[in-house]
């Protein structure tokens, strides 16, 4: 799959990059994408919800009145869940929502998301960006030149660059990540995926490494 390489002004450099068909040309597996996104969102939940049981609420433990002879129902202590201020029955307790997903499923989900973007022509490759200092306006101008209308974009770098990360951090519709941190949710959530030239070349290196192995 041949993709044009652009500069920061949105102009074609005259160079192209070949993206491997083994990743960008596969038949997408939507169910794997669903599972990967579900796992990602589940892992974001804190799970700190908590209610007090009758053993934890405040109140005396004495029996309210004798068992028989009152003409009324049997009663235990004031912490009974049926009383105001009593404990909660079967209330939520702190727990994690994350679940395990096989590595092959997660890899297939990521490749499927990339394949969808490739089919929709929503993959852009830009020359490696080097900012001398964090500057959101410079990053915003580049993204606007690459994709007019400022769609929601995912900017993928080969290596972590502090200036680029800080420049993109204040933009609500853009997110900058390192190639190793790219996940299925971010790919699906973005309307356009922008790879730096160095990051895009990593796909071919990964395919070559796998073939040698």
Protein backbone atom coordinates (compact mmCIF):
# COMPACT_ATOMS: atom_id res chain seq x y z
CA UNK A 1 0.00 0.00 0.00
CA UNK A 2 1.65 3.20 -1.21
CA UNK A 3 1.04 6.36 0.83
CA UNK A 4 2.33 9.85 0.04
CA UNK A 5 4.62 11.57 2.51
CA UNK A 6 3.70 15.16 3.36
CA UNK A 7 5.65 17.96 5.01
CA UNK A 8 4.40 20.08 7.90
CA UNK A 9 2.81 22.54 5.45
CA UNK A 10 0.59 19.83 4.00
CA UNK A 11 2.53 19.64 0.73
CA UNK A 12 3.57 16.39 -0.94
CA UNK A 13 7.30 15.76 -0.71
CA UNK A 14 7.33 13.57 -3.79
CA UNK A 15 8.20 10.52 -1.71
CA UNK A 16 5.96 7.60 -0.90
CA UNK A 17 6.09 4.95 1.77
CA UNK A 18 5.01 1.36 1.34
CA UNK A 19 2.82 0.17 4.21
CA UNK A 20 2.69 -3.64 4.57
CA UNK A 21 -0.41 -5.39 3.28
CA UNK A 22 -0.05 -7.92 6.10
CA UNK A 23 -1.27 -5.19 8.45
CA UNK A 24 -3.14 -2.56 6.44
CA UNK A 25 -4.62 -4.90 3.84
CA UNK A 26 -6.16 -7.61 6.00
CA UNK A 27 -9.87 -8.32 6.32
CA UNK A 28 -10.87 -6.46 9.51
CA UNK A 29 -12.25 -8.48 12.40
CA UNK A 30 -14.85 -6.21 13.99
CA UNK A 31 -15.50 -8.53 16.92
CA UNK A 32 -11.85 -8.33 17.99
CA UNK A 33 -12.09 -4.54 17.78
CA UNK A 34 -15.18 -4.66 20.00
CA UNK A 35 -13.42 -6.81 22.60
CA UNK A 36 -10.30 -4.62 22.65
CA UNK A 37 -12.31 -1.40 23.03
CA UNK A 38 -14.47 -3.00 25.72
CA UNK A 39 -11.37 -4.07 27.66
CA UNK A 40 -9.79 -0.61 27.35
CA UNK A 41 -12.90 1.19 28.62
CA UNK A 42 -13.37 -1.35 31.42
CA UNK A 43 -9.80 -0.77 32.58
CA UNK A 44 -10.48 2.98 32.85
CA UNK A 45 -13.12 2.42 35.53
CA UNK A 46 -11.83 3.07 39.04
CA UNK A 47 -14.16 0.59 40.69
CA UNK A 48 -14.01 2.47 44.02
CA UNK A 49 -17.78 2.39 44.62
CA UNK A 50 -18.70 1.25 48.12
CA UNK A 51 -21.72 1.02 50.41
CA UNK A 52 -21.71 0.05 54.07
CA UNK A 53 -23.17 -3.23 55.25
CA UNK A 54 -25.03 -3.58 58.57
CA UNK A 55 -21.70 -4.54 60.16
CA UNK A 56 -20.17 -1.17 59.19
CA UNK A 57 -22.89 1.42 59.87
CA UNK A 58 -23.11 3.22 63.19
CA UNK A 59 -25.64 1.99 65.73
CA UNK A 60 -26.06 -0.10 68.86
CA UNK A 61 -26.05 -3.86 68.61
CA UNK A 62 -28.71 -4.43 71.24
CA UNK A 63 -32.01 -6.07 70.30
CA UNK A 64 -34.74 -3.42 70.04
CA UNK A 65 -37.30 -5.40 72.05
CA UNK A 66 -37.97 -8.91 73.16
CA UNK A 67 -38.64 -11.61 70.61
CA UNK A 68 -42.20 -12.53 71.61
CA UNK A 69 -45.19 -11.02 73.33
CA UNK A 70 -45.19 -7.53 71.81
CA UNK A 71 -47.69 -8.20 69.05
CA UNK A 72 -45.23 -6.82 66.55
CA UNK A 73 -42.72 -8.28 64.19
CA UNK A 74 -39.38 -9.64 65.36
CA UNK A 75 -36.63 -7.03 65.36
CA UNK A 76 -32.89 -7.21 65.67
CA UNK A 77 -30.72 -4.13 66.12
CA UNK A 78 -31.11 -0.64 64.71
CA UNK A 79 -28.58 -1.39 61.94
CA UNK A 80 -31.17 -3.55 60.20
CA UNK A 81 -31.20 -2.68 56.44
CA UNK A 82 -34.95 -2.06 56.66
CA UNK A 83 -34.42 0.94 58.94
CA UNK A 84 -33.27 4.43 58.03
CA UNK A 85 -29.53 4.61 58.56
CA UNK A 86 -29.21 0.85 58.41
CA UNK A 87 -26.83 -1.13 56.25
CA UNK A 88 -27.25 -1.73 52.53
CA UNK A 89 -28.15 -5.14 51.19
CA UNK A 90 -26.03 -6.43 48.31
CA UNK A 91 -24.55 -3.00 47.65
CA UNK A 92 -21.52 -2.39 45.41
CA UNK A 93 -18.06 -3.20 46.73
CA UNK A 94 -14.68 -2.04 45.34
CA UNK A 95 -13.48 -4.25 42.50
CA UNK A 96 -11.75 -4.03 39.16
CA UNK A 97 -13.62 -4.26 35.86
CA UNK A 98 -10.61 -5.15 33.73
CA UNK A 99 -10.51 -8.55 32.08
CA UNK A 100 -7.86 -10.54 30.27
CA UNK A 101 -7.63 -10.52 26.52
CA UNK A 102 -5.23 -12.73 24.60
CA UNK A 103 -2.30 -10.98 22.96
CA UNK A 104 -3.19 -12.35 19.51
CA UNK A 105 -6.72 -10.95 19.83
CA UNK A 106 -5.40 -7.52 20.83
CA UNK A 107 -2.91 -7.52 17.95
CA UNK A 108 -5.60 -8.54 15.46
CA UNK A 109 -7.90 -5.81 16.81
CA UNK A 110 -5.21 -3.16 16.30
CA UNK A 111 -4.44 -4.37 12.78
CA UNK A 112 -8.16 -4.46 11.97
CA UNK A 113 -8.56 -0.86 13.12
CA UNK A 114 -5.60 0.18 10.94
CA UNK A 115 -7.09 -1.72 8.00
CA UNK A 116 -10.38 0.18 8.40
CA UNK A 117 -8.51 3.50 8.38
CA UNK A 118 -6.57 2.44 5.29
CA UNK A 119 -9.78 1.52 3.44
CA UNK A 120 -11.24 4.92 4.30
CA UNK A 121 -8.04 6.75 3.23
CA UNK A 122 -7.73 8.15 6.73
CA UNK A 123 -4.01 7.48 7.15
CA UNK A 124 -1.55 10.33 6.67
CA UNK A 125 2.24 10.22 6.82
CA UNK A 126 4.19 13.37 7.65
CA UNK A 127 7.89 14.09 7.79
CA UNK A 128 9.48 13.73 11.22
CA UNK A 129 8.58 16.74 13.32
CA UNK A 130 11.12 18.44 15.57
CA UNK A 131 9.91 21.37 17.65
CA UNK A 132 12.50 23.53 19.42
CA UNK A 133 10.04 24.26 22.21
CA UNK A 134 6.48 23.32 23.16
CA UNK A 135 4.18 25.38 20.97
CA UNK A 136 0.56 24.39 20.51
CA UNK A 137 -0.05 26.85 17.68
CA UNK A 138 2.73 25.31 15.56
CA UNK A 139 1.35 21.82 16.07
CA UNK A 140 -2.20 23.02 15.37
CA UNK A 141 -1.11 24.68 12.11
CA UNK A 142 0.57 21.48 10.96
CA UNK A 143 -2.51 19.36 11.71
CA UNK A 144 -4.73 21.90 9.98
CA UNK A 145 -2.50 21.82 6.90
CA UNK A 146 -2.54 18.03 6.80
CA UNK A 147 -6.27 17.69 7.40
CA UNK A 148 -8.38 20.83 6.80
CA UNK A 149 -11.41 21.10 9.03
CA UNK A 150 -9.45 19.90 12.09
CA UNK A 151 -10.95 16.41 12.45
CA UNK A 152 -10.24 14.37 15.56
CA UNK A 153 -6.76 13.01 14.94
CA UNK A 154 -4.28 10.60 16.47
CA UNK A 155 -0.64 11.64 16.01
CA UNK A 156 1.74 8.67 16.27
CA UNK A 157 5.49 9.16 16.88
CA UNK A 158 8.28 6.61 16.69
CA UNK A 159 9.91 7.81 19.92
CA UNK A 160 8.77 10.02 22.75
CA UNK A 161 9.35 13.73 22.12
CA UNK A 162 8.55 16.03 25.02
CA UNK A 163 8.00 19.16 22.91
CA UNK A 164 5.62 17.43 20.51
CA UNK A 165 3.69 15.79 23.37
CA UNK A 166 3.30 19.09 25.25
CA UNK A 167 2.30 20.90 22.06
CA UNK A 168 -0.51 18.42 21.39
CA UNK A 169 -1.64 18.06 24.98
CA UNK A 170 -3.78 21.21 25.02
CA UNK A 171 -5.67 20.27 21.86
CA UNK A 172 -8.92 18.54 22.70
CA UNK A 173 -9.36 16.91 19.29
CA UNK A 174 -5.79 15.66 18.92
CA UNK A 175 -3.77 13.12 20.83
CA UNK A 176 -0.06 12.36 20.46
CA UNK A 177 1.22 8.91 21.38
CA UNK A 178 4.33 6.83 20.92
CA UNK A 179 4.05 3.90 18.52
CA UNK A 180 4.42 1.40 21.36
CA UNK A 181 1.50 3.03 23.24
CA UNK A 182 -0.90 3.06 20.30
CA UNK A 183 -4.05 1.11 21.14
CA UNK A 184 -7.23 0.04 19.39
CA UNK A 185 -9.48 2.50 21.23
CA UNK A 186 -7.39 5.51 20.15
CA UNK A 187 -7.40 4.27 16.55
CA UNK A 188 -11.16 3.79 16.50
CA UNK A 189 -11.81 7.06 18.32
CA UNK A 190 -9.75 9.12 15.86
CA UNK A 191 -11.14 10.23 12.51
CA UNK A 192 -7.64 10.49 11.03
CA UNK A 193 -4.39 8.73 12.01
CA UNK A 194 -1.20 10.71 11.33
CA UNK A 195 2.09 8.79 11.44
CA UNK A 196 5.50 10.38 11.40
CA UNK A 197 7.72 8.93 8.71
CA UNK A 198 9.89 7.17 11.27
CA UNK A 199 6.85 5.64 12.98
CA UNK A 200 5.40 4.36 9.69
CA UNK A 201 8.71 2.66 8.83
CA UNK A 202 8.47 0.63 12.03
CA UNK A 203 5.66 -1.43 10.49
CA UNK A 204 7.96 -2.74 7.76
CA UNK A 205 10.72 -3.41 10.29
CA UNK A 206 8.29 -5.40 12.41
CA UNK A 207 7.19 -7.49 9.42
CA UNK A 208 10.83 -8.14 8.42
CA UNK A 209 11.73 -9.12 11.98
CA UNK A 210 8.83 -11.54 12.09
CA UNK A 211 9.84 -13.10 8.77
CA UNK A 212 13.39 -13.65 9.96
CA UNK A 213 12.16 -15.22 13.18
